[in-house]
C-alpha cells in the first residue's frame, strides 16, 4: 500500500487529478516491476547454484533491475569467477567492502578490469 504526503494546504482536486492522470502509468510501472522481480528470482537462483554461493543478498536500495544486471554480469563471467566465489556470501549494494567474517559487499554495476 502506497501513501502520499501532501501539504494540508493543497486543494483536494489537485490530488485527485494527479492520481487519475497517472493511474495508467502507475499500473504499467507496477506490471513492469513484477516482471523484473520474476526475472530477478530466476537469475538469483541460477547464480547461487552455478557459482556455489552460500548466500546472495541485496541492500534495500537495490531494485530488481540493477539486481538483474548484477546477476547477468556474474553469470557471464562465471568461468573466471566460480573458483573465487564458491562458499562466499555476497551482498549487492552500491559500494565495495569485505567484512571480517568474509561477507563481501559488491556494487551492482561492478566490472572486471
PDB file of N, CA and C in Angstrom:
ATOM      1  N   UNK A   1       0.849  -1.164   0.000  1.00  0.00           N
ATOM      2  CA  UNK A   1       0.000   0.000   0.000  1.00  0.00           C
ATOM      3  C   UNK A   1       0.903   1.237   0.000  1.00  0.00           C
ATOM      4  N   UNK A   2       0.635   2.143  -0.888  1.00  0.00           N
ATOM      5  CA  UNK A   2       1.416   3.370  -1.002  1.00  0.00           C
ATOM      6  C   UNK A   2       0.718   4.498  -0.267  1.00  0.00           C
ATOM      7  N   UNK A   3       1.465   5.543  -0.028  1.00  0.00           N
ATOM      8  CA  UNK A   3       0.868   6.714   0.615  1.00  0.00           C
ATOM      9  C   UNK A   3       1.417   7.973  -0.043  1.00  0.00           C
ATOM     10  N   UNK A   4       0.655   9.021   0.043  1.00  0.00           N
ATOM     11  CA  UNK A   4       1.049  10.327  -0.461  1.00  0.00           C
ATOM     12  C   UNK A   4       1.187  11.265   0.726  1.00  0.00           C
ATOM     13  N   UNK A   5       2.269  11.996   0.748  1.00  0.00           N
ATOM     14  CA  UNK A   5       2.435  13.032   1.765  1.00  0.00           C
ATOM     15  C   UNK A   5       2.215  14.358   1.047  1.00  0.00           C
ATOM     16  N   UNK A   6       1.148  15.011   1.415  1.00  0.00           N
ATOM     17  CA  UNK A   6       0.714  16.225   0.728  1.00  0.00           C
ATOM     18  C   UNK A   6       0.450  17.301   1.772  1.00  0.00           C
ATOM     19  N   UNK A   7       0.900  18.521   1.507  1.00  0.00           N
ATOM     20  CA  UNK A   7       0.593  19.603   2.455  1.00  0.00           C
ATOM     21  C   UNK A   7      -0.918  19.768   2.608  1.00  0.00           C
ATOM     22  N   UNK A   8      -1.353  20.063   3.797  1.00  0.00           N
ATOM     23  CA  UNK A   8      -2.795  20.216   4.039  1.00  0.00           C
ATOM     24  C   UNK A   8      -3.374  21.408   3.270  1.00  0.00           C
ATOM     25  N   UNK A   9      -2.513  22.316   2.829  1.00  0.00           N
ATOM     26  CA  UNK A   9      -2.999  23.468   2.067  1.00  0.00           C
ATOM     27  C   UNK A   9      -3.270  23.125   0.598  1.00  0.00           C
ATOM     28  N   UNK A  10      -2.886  21.932   0.169  1.00  0.00           N
ATOM     29  CA  UNK A  10      -3.092  21.521  -1.224  1.00  0.00           C
ATOM     30  C   UNK A  10      -4.570  21.198  -1.455  1.00  0.00           C
ATOM     31  N   UNK A  11      -5.170  21.805  -2.461  1.00  0.00           N
ATOM     32  CA  UNK A  11      -6.580  21.514  -2.749  1.00  0.00           C
ATOM     33  C   UNK A  11      -6.761  20.040  -3.139  1.00  0.00           C
ATOM     34  N   UNK A  12      -7.803  19.443  -2.636  1.00  0.00           N
ATOM     35  CA  UNK A  12      -8.028  18.010  -2.862  1.00  0.00           C
ATOM     36  C   UNK A  12      -8.222  17.673  -4.336  1.00  0.00           C
ATOM     37  N   UNK A  13      -8.794  18.583  -5.112  1.00  0.00           N
ATOM     38  CA  UNK A  13      -8.997  18.288  -6.532  1.00  0.00           C
ATOM     39  C   UNK A  13      -7.664  18.088  -7.260  1.00  0.00           C
ATOM     40  N   UNK A  14      -6.596  18.771  -6.805  1.00  0.00           N
ATOM     41  CA  UNK A  14      -5.279  18.575  -7.419  1.00  0.00           C
ATOM     42  C   UNK A  14      -4.765  17.162  -7.162  1.00  0.00           C
ATOM     43  N   UNK A  15      -4.992  16.667  -5.963  1.00  0.00           N
ATOM     44  CA  UNK A  15      -4.563  15.310  -5.620  1.00  0.00           C
ATOM     45  C   UNK A  15      -5.331  14.292  -6.458  1.00  0.00           C
ATOM     46  N   UNK A  16      -6.629  14.462  -6.530  1.00  0.00           N
ATOM     47  CA  UNK A  16      -7.473  13.549  -7.317  1.00  0.00           C
ATOM     48  C   UNK A  16      -7.066  13.590  -8.787  1.00  0.00           C
ATOM     49  N   UNK A  17      -6.829  14.780  -9.322  1.00  0.00           N
ATOM     50  CA  UNK A  17      -6.390  14.913 -10.718  1.00  0.00           C
ATOM     51  C   UNK A  17      -5.054  14.207 -10.946  1.00  0.00           C
ATOM     52  N   UNK A  18      -4.128  14.406 -10.033  1.00  0.00           N
ATOM     53  CA  UNK A  18      -2.812  13.773 -10.162  1.00  0.00           C
ATOM     54  C   UNK A  18      -2.948  12.254 -10.202  1.00  0.00           C
ATOM     55  N   UNK A  19      -3.732  11.711  -9.285  1.00  0.00           N
ATOM     56  CA  UNK A  19      -3.907  10.255  -9.226  1.00  0.00           C
ATOM     57  C   UNK A  19      -4.564   9.733 -10.499  1.00  0.00           C
ATOM     58  N   UNK A  20      -5.616  10.364 -10.933  1.00  0.00           N
ATOM     59  CA  UNK A  20      -6.317   9.871 -12.130  1.00  0.00           C
ATOM     60  C   UNK A  20      -5.476  10.036 -13.397  1.00  0.00           C
ATOM     61  N   UNK A  21      -4.701  11.105 -13.484  1.00  0.00           N
ATOM     62  CA  UNK A  21      -3.855  11.326 -14.658  1.00  0.00           C
ATOM     63  C   UNK A  21      -2.686  10.347 -14.720  1.00  0.00           C
ATOM     64  N   UNK A  22      -2.254   9.835 -13.580  1.00  0.00           N
ATOM     65  CA  UNK A  22      -1.081   8.961 -13.539  1.00  0.00           C
ATOM     66  C   UNK A  22      -1.404   7.499 -13.248  1.00  0.00           C
ATOM     67  N   UNK A  23      -2.654   7.158 -13.176  1.00  0.00           N
ATOM     68  CA  UNK A  23      -3.059   5.797 -12.842  1.00  0.00           C
ATOM     69  C   UNK A  23      -2.566   4.776 -13.866  1.00  0.00           C
ATOM     70  N   UNK A  24      -2.728   5.081 -15.137  1.00  0.00           N
ATOM     71  CA  UNK A  24      -2.289   4.153 -16.187  1.00  0.00           C
ATOM     72  C   UNK A  24      -0.773   3.940 -16.135  1.00  0.00           C
ATOM     73  N   UNK A  25      -0.039   5.025 -15.969  1.00  0.00           N
ATOM     74  CA  UNK A  25       1.420   4.926 -15.875  1.00  0.00           C
ATOM     75  C   UNK A  25       1.820   4.105 -14.650  1.00  0.00           C
ATOM     76  N   UNK A  26       1.148   4.321 -13.533  1.00  0.00           N
ATOM     77  CA  UNK A  26       1.450   3.579 -12.304  1.00  0.00           C
ATOM     78  C   UNK A  26       1.190   2.086 -12.495  1.00  0.00           C
ATOM     79  N   UNK A  27       0.083   1.749 -13.146  1.00  0.00           N
ATOM     80  CA  UNK A  27      -0.222   0.339 -13.412  1.00  0.00           C
ATOM     81  C   UNK A  27       0.819  -0.291 -14.325  1.00  0.00           C
ATOM     82  N   UNK A  28       1.251   0.454 -15.349  1.00  0.00           N
ATOM     83  CA  UNK A  28       2.296  -0.037 -16.254  1.00  0.00           C
ATOM     84  C   UNK A  28       3.597  -0.283 -15.491  1.00  0.00           C
ATOM     85  N   UNK A  29       3.989   0.666 -14.659  1.00  0.00           N
ATOM     86  CA  UNK A  29       5.220   0.514 -13.880  1.00  0.00           C
ATOM     87  C   UNK A  29       5.129  -0.652 -12.903  1.00  0.00           C
ATOM     88  N   UNK A  30       3.974  -0.864 -12.332  1.00  0.00           N
ATOM     89  CA  UNK A  30       3.777  -1.979 -11.412  1.00  0.00           C
ATOM     90  C   UNK A  30       3.913  -3.319 -12.136  1.00  0.00           C
ATOM     91  N   UNK A  31       3.332  -3.429 -13.314  1.00  0.00           N
ATOM     92  CA  UNK A  31       3.456  -4.664 -14.103  1.00  0.00           C
ATOM     93  C   UNK A  31       4.907  -4.897 -14.519  1.00  0.00           C
ATOM     94  N   UNK A  32       5.578  -3.830 -14.901  1.00  0.00           N
ATOM     95  CA  UNK A  32       6.988  -3.917 -15.279  1.00  0.00           C
ATOM     96  C   UNK A  32       7.821  -4.391 -14.089  1.00  0.00           C
ATOM     97  N   UNK A  33       7.552  -3.849 -12.910  1.00  0.00           N
ATOM     98  CA  UNK A  33       8.258  -4.235 -11.691  1.00  0.00           C
ATOM     99  C   UNK A  33       8.045  -5.720 -11.396  1.00  0.00           C
ATOM    100  N   UNK A  34       6.810  -6.186 -11.529  1.00  0.00           N
ATOM    101  CA  UNK A  34       6.511  -7.601 -11.275  1.00  0.00           C
ATOM    102  C   UNK A  34       7.294  -8.498 -12.233  1.00  0.00           C
ATOM    103  N   UNK A  35       7.383  -8.101 -13.494  1.00  0.00           N
ATOM    104  CA  UNK A  35       8.156  -8.862 -14.477  1.00  0.00           C
ATOM    105  C   UNK A  35       9.627  -8.907 -14.127  1.00  0.00           C
ATOM    106  N   UNK A  36      10.170  -7.763 -13.738  1.00  0.00           N
ATOM    107  CA  UNK A  36      11.579  -7.708 -13.341  1.00  0.00           C
ATOM    108  C   UNK A  36      11.830  -8.558 -12.105  1.00  0.00           C
ATOM    109  N   UNK A  37      10.892  -8.556 -11.174  1.00  0.00           N
ATOM    110  CA  UNK A  37      11.027  -9.340  -9.942  1.00  0.00           C
ATOM    111  C   UNK A  37      11.103 -10.836 -10.268  1.00  0.00           C
ATOM    112  N   UNK A  38      10.304 -11.297 -11.218  1.00  0.00           N
ATOM    113  CA  UNK A  38      10.331 -12.712 -11.621  1.00  0.00           C
ATOM    114  C   UNK A  38      11.666 -13.072 -12.269  1.00  0.00           C
ATOM    115  N   UNK A  39      12.157 -12.208 -13.153  1.00  0.00           N
ATOM    116  CA  UNK A  39      13.458 -12.434 -13.792  1.00  0.00           C
ATOM    117  C   UNK A  39      14.549 -12.470 -12.731  1.00  0.00           C
ATOM    118  N   UNK A  40      14.480 -11.548 -11.775  1.00  0.00           N
ATOM    119  CA  UNK A  40      15.462 -11.497 -10.689  1.00  0.00           C
ATOM    120  C   UNK A  40      15.484 -12.810  -9.909  1.00  0.00           C
ATOM    121  N   UNK A  41      14.326 -13.356  -9.592  1.00  0.00           N
ATOM    122  CA  UNK A  41      14.254 -14.618  -8.836  1.00  0.00           C
ATOM    123  C   UNK A  41      14.949 -15.752  -9.579  1.00  0.00           C
ATOM    124  N   UNK A  42      14.700 -15.851 -10.883  1.00  0.00           N
ATOM    125  CA  UNK A  42      15.309 -16.906 -11.696  1.00  0.00           C
ATOM    126  C   UNK A  42      16.827 -16.749 -11.723  1.00  0.00           C
ATOM    127  N   UNK A  43      17.300 -15.529 -11.980  1.00  0.00           N
ATOM    128  CA  UNK A  43      18.742 -15.285 -12.049  1.00  0.00           C
ATOM    129  C   UNK A  43      19.409 -15.474 -10.688  1.00  0.00           C
ATOM    130  N   UNK A  44      18.738 -15.082  -9.624  1.00  0.00           N
ATOM    131  CA  UNK A  44      19.260 -15.252  -8.260  1.00  0.00           C
ATOM    132  C   UNK A  44      19.512 -16.735  -7.988  1.00  0.00           C
ATOM    133  N   UNK A  45      18.531 -17.549  -8.290  1.00  0.00           N
ATOM    134  CA  UNK A  45      18.648 -18.996  -8.064  1.00  0.00           C
ATOM    135  C   UNK A  45      19.779 -19.583  -8.911  1.00  0.00           C
ATOM    136  N   UNK A  46      19.886 -19.124 -10.150  1.00  0.00           N
ATOM    137  CA  UNK A  46      20.921 -19.608 -11.064  1.00  0.00           C
ATOM    138  C   UNK A  46      22.317 -19.227 -10.560  1.00  0.00           C
ATOM    139  N   UNK A  47      22.469 -18.011 -10.054  1.00  0.00           N
ATOM    140  CA  UNK A  47      23.760 -17.567  -9.510  1.00  0.00           C
ATOM    141  C   UNK A  47      24.162 -18.419  -8.307  1.00  0.00           C
ATOM    142  N   UNK A  48      23.219 -18.669  -7.418  1.00  0.00           N
ATOM    143  CA  UNK A  48      23.513 -19.488  -6.235  1.00  0.00           C
ATOM    144  C   UNK A  48      23.987 -20.876  -6.641  1.00  0.00           C
ATOM    145  N   UNK A  49      23.284 -21.504  -7.554  1.00  0.00           N
ATOM    146  CA  UNK A  49      23.621 -22.879  -7.918  1.00  0.00           C
ATOM    147  C   UNK A  49      24.870 -22.972  -8.794  1.00  0.00           C
ATOM    148  N   UNK A  50      24.991 -22.116  -9.796  1.00  0.00           N
ATOM    149  CA  UNK A  50      26.104 -22.231 -10.740  1.00  0.00           C
ATOM    150  C   UNK A  50      27.426 -21.698 -10.199  1.00  0.00           C
ATOM    151  N   UNK A  51      27.375 -20.806  -9.218  1.00  0.00           N
ATOM    152  CA  UNK A  51      28.612 -20.244  -8.668  1.00  0.00           C
ATOM    153  C   UNK A  51      28.945 -20.787  -7.283  1.00  0.00           C
ATOM    154  N   UNK A  52      28.073 -21.614  -6.723  1.00  0.00           N
ATOM    155  CA  UNK A  52      28.339 -22.208  -5.416  1.00  0.00           C
ATOM    156  C   UNK A  52      28.331 -21.209  -4.274  1.00  0.00           C
ATOM    157  N   UNK A  53      27.548 -20.150  -4.411  1.00  0.00           N
ATOM    158  CA  UNK A  53      27.472 -19.133  -3.357  1.00  0.00           C
ATOM    159  C   UNK A  53      26.701 -19.669  -2.156  1.00  0.00           C
ATOM    160  N   UNK A  54      27.136 -19.286  -0.953  1.00  0.00           N
ATOM    161  CA  UNK A  54      26.365 -19.614   0.250  1.00  0.00           C
ATOM    162  C   UNK A  54      25.133 -18.735   0.338  1.00  0.00           C
ATOM    163  N   UNK A  55      25.292 -17.469  -0.038  1.00  0.00           N
ATOM    164  CA  UNK A  55      24.177 -16.520   0.026  1.00  0.00           C
ATOM    165  C   UNK A  55      24.397 -15.415  -0.999  1.00  0.00           C
ATOM    166  N   UNK A  56      23.298 -14.896  -1.504  1.00  0.00           N
ATOM    167  CA  UNK A  56      23.317 -13.747  -2.404  1.00  0.00           C
ATOM    168  C   UNK A  56      22.167 -12.848  -1.981  1.00  0.00           C
ATOM    169  N   UNK A  57      22.510 -11.784  -1.281  1.00  0.00           N
ATOM    170  CA  UNK A  57      21.518 -10.849  -0.758  1.00  0.00           C
ATOM    171  C   UNK A  57      21.697  -9.500  -1.432  1.00  0.00           C
ATOM    172  N   UNK A  58      20.783  -8.584  -1.134  1.00  0.00           N
ATOM    173  CA  UNK A  58      20.908  -7.229  -1.671  1.00  0.00           C
ATOM    174  C   UNK A  58      20.430  -6.236  -0.632  1.00  0.00           C
ATOM    175  N   UNK A  59      21.036  -5.040  -0.679  1.00  0.00           N
ATOM    176  CA  UNK A  59      20.589  -3.945   0.182  1.00  0.00           C
ATOM    177  C   UNK A  59      19.204  -3.501  -0.266  1.00  0.00           C
ATOM    178  N   UNK A  60      18.499  -2.839   0.629  1.00  0.00           N
ATOM    179  CA  UNK A  60      17.155  -2.350   0.322  1.00  0.00           C
ATOM    180  C   UNK A  60      17.142  -1.360  -0.841  1.00  0.00           C
ATOM    181  N   UNK A  61      18.262  -0.679  -1.062  1.00  0.00           N
ATOM    182  CA  UNK A  61      18.316   0.330  -2.119  1.00  0.00           C
ATOM    183  C   UNK A  61      18.461  -0.280  -3.517  1.00  0.00           C
ATOM    184  N   UNK A  62      18.678  -1.578  -3.603  1.00  0.00           N
ATOM    185  CA  UNK A  62      18.856  -2.230  -4.900  1.00  0.00           C
ATOM    186  C   UNK A  62      17.517  -2.784  -5.384  1.00  0.00           C
ATOM    187  N   UNK A  63      17.032  -2.221  -6.463  1.00  0.00           N
ATOM    188  CA  UNK A  63      15.761  -2.648  -7.044  1.00  0.00           C
ATOM    189  C   UNK A  63      16.005  -3.835  -7.991  1.00  0.00           C
ATOM    190  N   UNK A  64      14.960  -4.476  -8.482  1.00  0.00           N
ATOM    191  CA  UNK A  64      15.160  -5.644  -9.346  1.00  0.00           C
ATOM    192  C   UNK A  64      16.002  -5.389 -10.599  1.00  0.00           C
ATOM    193  N   UNK A  65      15.834  -4.262 -11.231  1.00  0.00           N
ATOM    194  CA  UNK A  65      16.571  -4.000 -12.483  1.00  0.00           C
ATOM    195  C   UNK A  65      18.098  -4.024 -12.282  1.00  0.00           C
ATOM    196  N   UNK A  66      18.659  -3.292 -11.298  1.00  0.00           N
ATOM    197  CA  UNK A  66      20.100  -3.396 -11.068  1.00  0.00           C
ATOM    198  C   UNK A  66      20.527  -4.796 -10.605  1.00  0.00           C
ATOM    199  N   UNK A  67      19.670  -5.485  -9.873  1.00  0.00           N
ATOM    200  CA  UNK A  67      19.999  -6.846  -9.437  1.00  0.00           C
ATOM    201  C   UNK A  67      20.076  -7.784 -10.635  1.00  0.00           C
ATOM    202  N   UNK A  68      19.209  -7.586 -11.609  1.00  0.00           N
ATOM    203  CA  UNK A  68      19.260  -8.380 -12.839  1.00  0.00           C
ATOM    204  C   UNK A  68      20.584  -8.135 -13.553  1.00  0.00           C
ATOM    205  N   UNK A  69      20.981  -6.881 -13.667  1.00  0.00           N
ATOM    206  CA  UNK A  69      22.256  -6.531 -14.294  1.00  0.00           C
ATOM    207  C   UNK A  69      23.408  -7.207 -13.571  1.00  0.00           C
ATOM    208  N   UNK A  70      23.392  -7.152 -12.242  1.00  0.00           N
ATOM    209  CA  UNK A  70      24.437  -7.771 -11.426  1.00  0.00           C
ATOM    210  C   UNK A  70      24.514  -9.272 -11.700  1.00  0.00           C
ATOM    211  N   UNK A  71      23.385  -9.949 -11.623  1.00  0.00           N
ATOM    212  CA  UNK A  71      23.354 -11.405 -11.804  1.00  0.00           C
ATOM    213  C   UNK A  71      23.784 -11.800 -13.217  1.00  0.00           C
ATOM    214  N   UNK A  72      23.324 -11.070 -14.219  1.00  0.00           N
ATOM    215  CA  UNK A  72      23.719 -11.367 -15.596  1.00  0.00           C
ATOM    216  C   UNK A  72      25.223 -11.218 -15.767  1.00  0.00           C
ATOM    217  N   UNK A  73      25.797 -10.204 -15.144  1.00  0.00           N
ATOM    218  CA  UNK A  73      27.237  -9.986 -15.213  1.00  0.00           C
ATOM    219  C   UNK A  73      27.994 -11.125 -14.524  1.00  0.00           C
ATOM    220  N   UNK A  74      27.505 -11.560 -13.362  1.00  0.00           N
ATOM    221  CA  UNK A  74      28.124 -12.695 -12.660  1.00  0.00           C
ATOM    222  C   UNK A  74      28.098 -13.940 -13.535  1.00  0.00           C
ATOM    223  N   UNK A  75      26.944 -14.238 -14.093  1.00  0.00           N
ATOM    224  CA  UNK A  75      26.800 -15.448 -14.901  1.00  0.00           C
ATOM    225  C   UNK A  75      27.622 -15.375 -16.183  1.00  0.00           C
ATOM    226  N   UNK A  76      27.735 -14.197 -16.763  1.00  0.00           N
ATOM    227  CA  UNK A  76      28.537 -14.017 -17.975  1.00  0.00           C
ATOM    228  C   UNK A  76      30.014 -14.324 -17.703  1.00  0.00           C
ATOM    229  N   UNK A  77      30.458 -14.044 -16.477  1.00  0.00           N
ATOM    230  CA  UNK A  77      31.860 -14.247 -16.101  1.00  0.00           C
ATOM    231  C   UNK A  77      32.053 -15.450 -15.180  1.00  0.00           C
ATOM    232  N   UNK A  78      31.091 -16.367 -15.148  1.00  0.00           N
ATOM    233  CA  UNK A  78      31.116 -17.479 -14.186  1.00  0.00           C
ATOM    234  C   UNK A  78      32.360 -18.348 -14.294  1.00  0.00           C
ATOM    235  N   UNK A  79      32.855 -18.599 -15.510  1.00  0.00           N
ATOM    236  CA  UNK A  79      34.028 -19.465 -15.653  1.00  0.00           C
ATOM    237  C   UNK A  79      35.248 -18.878 -14.955  1.00  0.00           C
ATOM    238  N   UNK A  80      35.388 -17.589 -15.010  1.00  0.00           N
ATOM    239  CA  UNK A  80      36.508 -16.911 -14.363  1.00  0.00           C
ATOM    240  C   UNK A  80      36.293 -16.749 -12.857  1.00  0.00           C
ATOM    241  N   UNK A  81      35.067 -16.511 -12.444  1.00  0.00           N
ATOM    242  CA  UNK A  81      34.780 -16.163 -11.049  1.00  0.00           C
ATOM    243  C   UNK A  81      34.449 -17.335 -10.134  1.00  0.00           C
ATOM    244  N   UNK A  82      33.972 -18.437 -10.682  1.00  0.00           N
ATOM    245  CA  UNK A  82      33.449 -19.526  -9.848  1.00  0.00           C
ATOM    246  C   UNK A  82      34.440 -19.991  -8.790  1.00  0.00           C
ATOM    247  N   UNK A  83      35.690 -20.218  -9.175  1.00  0.00           N
ATOM    248  CA  UNK A  83      36.676 -20.733  -8.211  1.00  0.00           C
ATOM    249  C   UNK A  83      36.909 -19.761  -7.053  1.00  0.00           C
ATOM    250  N   UNK A  84      36.648 -18.482  -7.270  1.00  0.00           N
ATOM    251  CA  UNK A  84      36.840 -17.477  -6.222  1.00  0.00           C
ATOM    252  C   UNK A  84      35.590 -17.263  -5.372  1.00  0.00           C
ATOM    253  N   UNK A  85      34.445 -17.651  -5.890  1.00  0.00           N
ATOM    254  CA  UNK A  85      33.184 -17.348  -5.210  1.00  0.00           C
ATOM    255  C   UNK A  85      32.543 -18.532  -4.488  1.00  0.00           C
ATOM    256  N   UNK A  86      33.030 -19.744  -4.714  1.00  0.00           N
ATOM    257  CA  UNK A  86      32.435 -20.913  -4.050  1.00  0.00           C
ATOM    258  C   UNK A  86      32.485 -20.710  -2.538  1.00  0.00           C
ATOM    259  N   UNK A  87      31.342 -20.875  -1.894  1.00  0.00           N
ATOM    260  CA  UNK A  87      31.251 -20.740  -0.440  1.00  0.00           C
ATOM    261  C   UNK A  87      31.226 -19.306   0.066  1.00  0.00           C
ATOM    262  N   UNK A  88      31.031 -18.358  -0.832  1.00  0.00           N
ATOM    263  CA  UNK A  88      31.050 -16.937  -0.467  1.00  0.00           C
ATOM    264  C   UNK A  88      29.635 -16.424  -0.200  1.00  0.00           C
ATOM    265  N   UNK A  89      29.559 -15.432   0.678  1.00  0.00           N
ATOM    266  CA  UNK A  89      28.301 -14.719   0.925  1.00  0.00           C
ATOM    267  C   UNK A  89      28.445 -13.324   0.327  1.00  0.00           C
ATOM    268  N   UNK A  90      27.640 -13.039  -0.686  1.00  0.00           N
ATOM    269  CA  UNK A  90      27.690 -11.740  -1.366  1.00  0.00           C
ATOM    270  C   UNK A  90      26.459 -10.914  -1.026  1.00  0.00           C
ATOM    271  N   UNK A  91      26.677  -9.617  -0.902  1.00  0.00           N
ATOM    272  CA  UNK A  91      25.571  -8.673  -0.781  1.00  0.00           C
ATOM    273  C   UNK A  91      25.746  -7.625  -1.869  1.00  0.00           C
ATOM    274  N   UNK A  92      24.712  -7.420  -2.647  1.00  0.00           N
ATOM    275  CA  UNK A  92      24.736  -6.435  -3.727  1.00  0.00           C
ATOM    276  C   UNK A  92      24.325  -5.086  -3.152  1.00  0.00           C
ATOM    277  N   UNK A  93      25.146  -4.085  -3.433  1.00  0.00           N
ATOM    278  CA  UNK A  93      24.901  -2.753  -2.885  1.00  0.00           C
ATOM    279  C   UNK A  93      25.465  -1.710  -3.843  1.00  0.00           C
ATOM    280  N   UNK A  94      25.893  -0.571  -3.328  1.00  0.00           N
ATOM    281  CA  UNK A  94      26.466   0.491  -4.164  1.00  0.00           C
ATOM    282  C   UNK A  94      27.945   0.717  -3.898  1.00  0.00           C
ATOM    283  N   UNK A  95      28.589  -0.152  -3.132  1.00  0.00           N
ATOM    284  CA  UNK A  95      29.989   0.048  -2.758  1.00  0.00           C
ATOM    285  C   UNK A  95      30.679  -1.300  -2.566  1.00  0.00           C
ATOM    286  N   UNK A  96      32.022  -1.269  -2.503  1.00  0.00           N
ATOM    287  CA  UNK A  96      32.811  -2.467  -2.215  1.00  0.00           C
ATOM    288  C   UNK A  96      33.164  -2.486  -0.737  1.00  0.00           C
ATOM    289  N   UNK A  97      33.092  -3.672  -0.139  1.00  0.00           N
ATOM    290  CA  UNK A  97      33.527  -3.841   1.243  1.00  0.00           C
ATOM    291  C   UNK A  97      33.655  -5.331   1.532  1.00  0.00           C
ATOM    292  N   UNK A  98      34.636  -5.682   2.365  1.00  0.00           N
ATOM    293  CA  UNK A  98      34.781  -7.056   2.840  1.00  0.00           C
ATOM    294  C   UNK A  98      34.808  -7.001   4.354  1.00  0.00           C
ATOM    295  N   UNK A  99      33.899  -7.737   4.976  1.00  0.00           N
ATOM    296  CA  UNK A  99      33.797  -7.749   6.429  1.00  0.00           C
ATOM    297  C   UNK A  99      34.767  -8.784   7.006  1.00  0.00           C
ATOM    298  N   UNK A 100      35.023  -8.688   8.291  1.00  0.00           N
ATOM    299  CA  UNK A 100      35.961  -9.610   8.938  1.00  0.00           C
ATOM    300  C   UNK A 100      35.475 -11.056   8.902  1.00  0.00           C
ATOM    301  N   UNK A 101      34.177 -11.270   8.788  1.00  0.00           N
ATOM    302  CA  UNK A 101      33.645 -12.638   8.716  1.00  0.00           C
ATOM    303  C   UNK A 101      33.615 -13.178   7.280  1.00  0.00           C
ATOM    304  N   UNK A 102      34.128 -12.397   6.318  1.00  0.00           N
ATOM    305  CA  UNK A 102      34.194 -12.837   4.932  1.00  0.00           C
ATOM    306  C   UNK A 102      33.052 -12.373   4.052  1.00  0.00           C
ATOM    307  N   UNK A 103      32.029 -11.789   4.642  1.00  0.00           N
ATOM    308  CA  UNK A 103      30.903 -11.263   3.860  1.00  0.00           C
ATOM    309  C   UNK A 103      31.427 -10.184   2.917  1.00  0.00           C
ATOM    310  N   UNK A 104      31.082 -10.301   1.628  1.00  0.00           N
ATOM    311  CA  UNK A 104      31.536  -9.318   0.646  1.00  0.00           C
ATOM    312  C   UNK A 104      30.367  -8.482   0.151  1.00  0.00           C
ATOM    313  N   UNK A 105      30.602  -7.188   0.054  1.00  0.00           N
ATOM    314  CA  UNK A 105      29.632  -6.240  -0.489  1.00  0.00           C
ATOM    315  C   UNK A 105      30.184  -5.749  -1.820  1.00  0.00           C
ATOM    316  N   UNK A 106      29.378  -5.887  -2.863  1.00  0.00           N
ATOM    317  CA  UNK A 106      29.824  -5.543  -4.210  1.00  0.00           C
ATOM    318  C   UNK A 106      28.768  -4.653  -4.858  1.00  0.00           C
ATOM    319  N   UNK A 107      29.205  -3.595  -5.561  1.00  0.00           N
ATOM    320  CA  UNK A 107      28.214  -2.750  -6.237  1.00  0.00           C
ATOM    321  C   UNK A 107      27.535  -3.510  -7.378  1.00  0.00           C
ATOM    322  N   UNK A 108      26.303  -3.167  -7.620  1.00  0.00           N
ATOM    323  CA  UNK A 108      25.528  -3.854  -8.652  1.00  0.00           C
ATOM    324  C   UNK A 108      26.133  -3.678 -10.038  1.00  0.00           C
ATOM    325  N   UNK A 109      26.878  -2.605 -10.258  1.00  0.00           N
ATOM    326  CA  UNK A 109      27.433  -2.295 -11.575  1.00  0.00           C
ATOM    327  C   UNK A 109      28.934  -2.567 -11.661  1.00  0.00           C
ATOM    328  N   UNK A 110      29.412  -3.595 -10.939  1.00  0.00           N
ATOM    329  CA  UNK A 110      30.835  -3.939 -10.925  1.00  0.00           C
ATOM    330  C   UNK A 110      31.313  -4.315 -12.332  1.00  0.00           C
ATOM    331  N   UNK A 111      32.621  -4.183 -12.523  1.00  0.00           N
ATOM    332  CA  UNK A 111      33.229  -4.543 -13.804  1.00  0.00           C
ATOM    333  C   UNK A 111      34.556  -5.243 -13.547  1.00  0.00           C
ATOM    334  N   UNK A 112      34.921  -6.163 -14.427  1.00  0.00           N
ATOM    335  CA  UNK A 112      36.241  -6.782 -14.387  1.00  0.00           C
ATOM    336  C   UNK A 112      37.212  -5.868 -15.116  1.00  0.00           C
ATOM    337  N   UNK A 113      38.425  -5.821 -14.645  1.00  0.00           N
ATOM    338  CA  UNK A 113      39.432  -4.981 -15.317  1.00  0.00           C
ATOM    339  C   UNK A 113      40.206  -5.801 -16.300  1.00  0.00           C
TER     340      UNK A 113
END
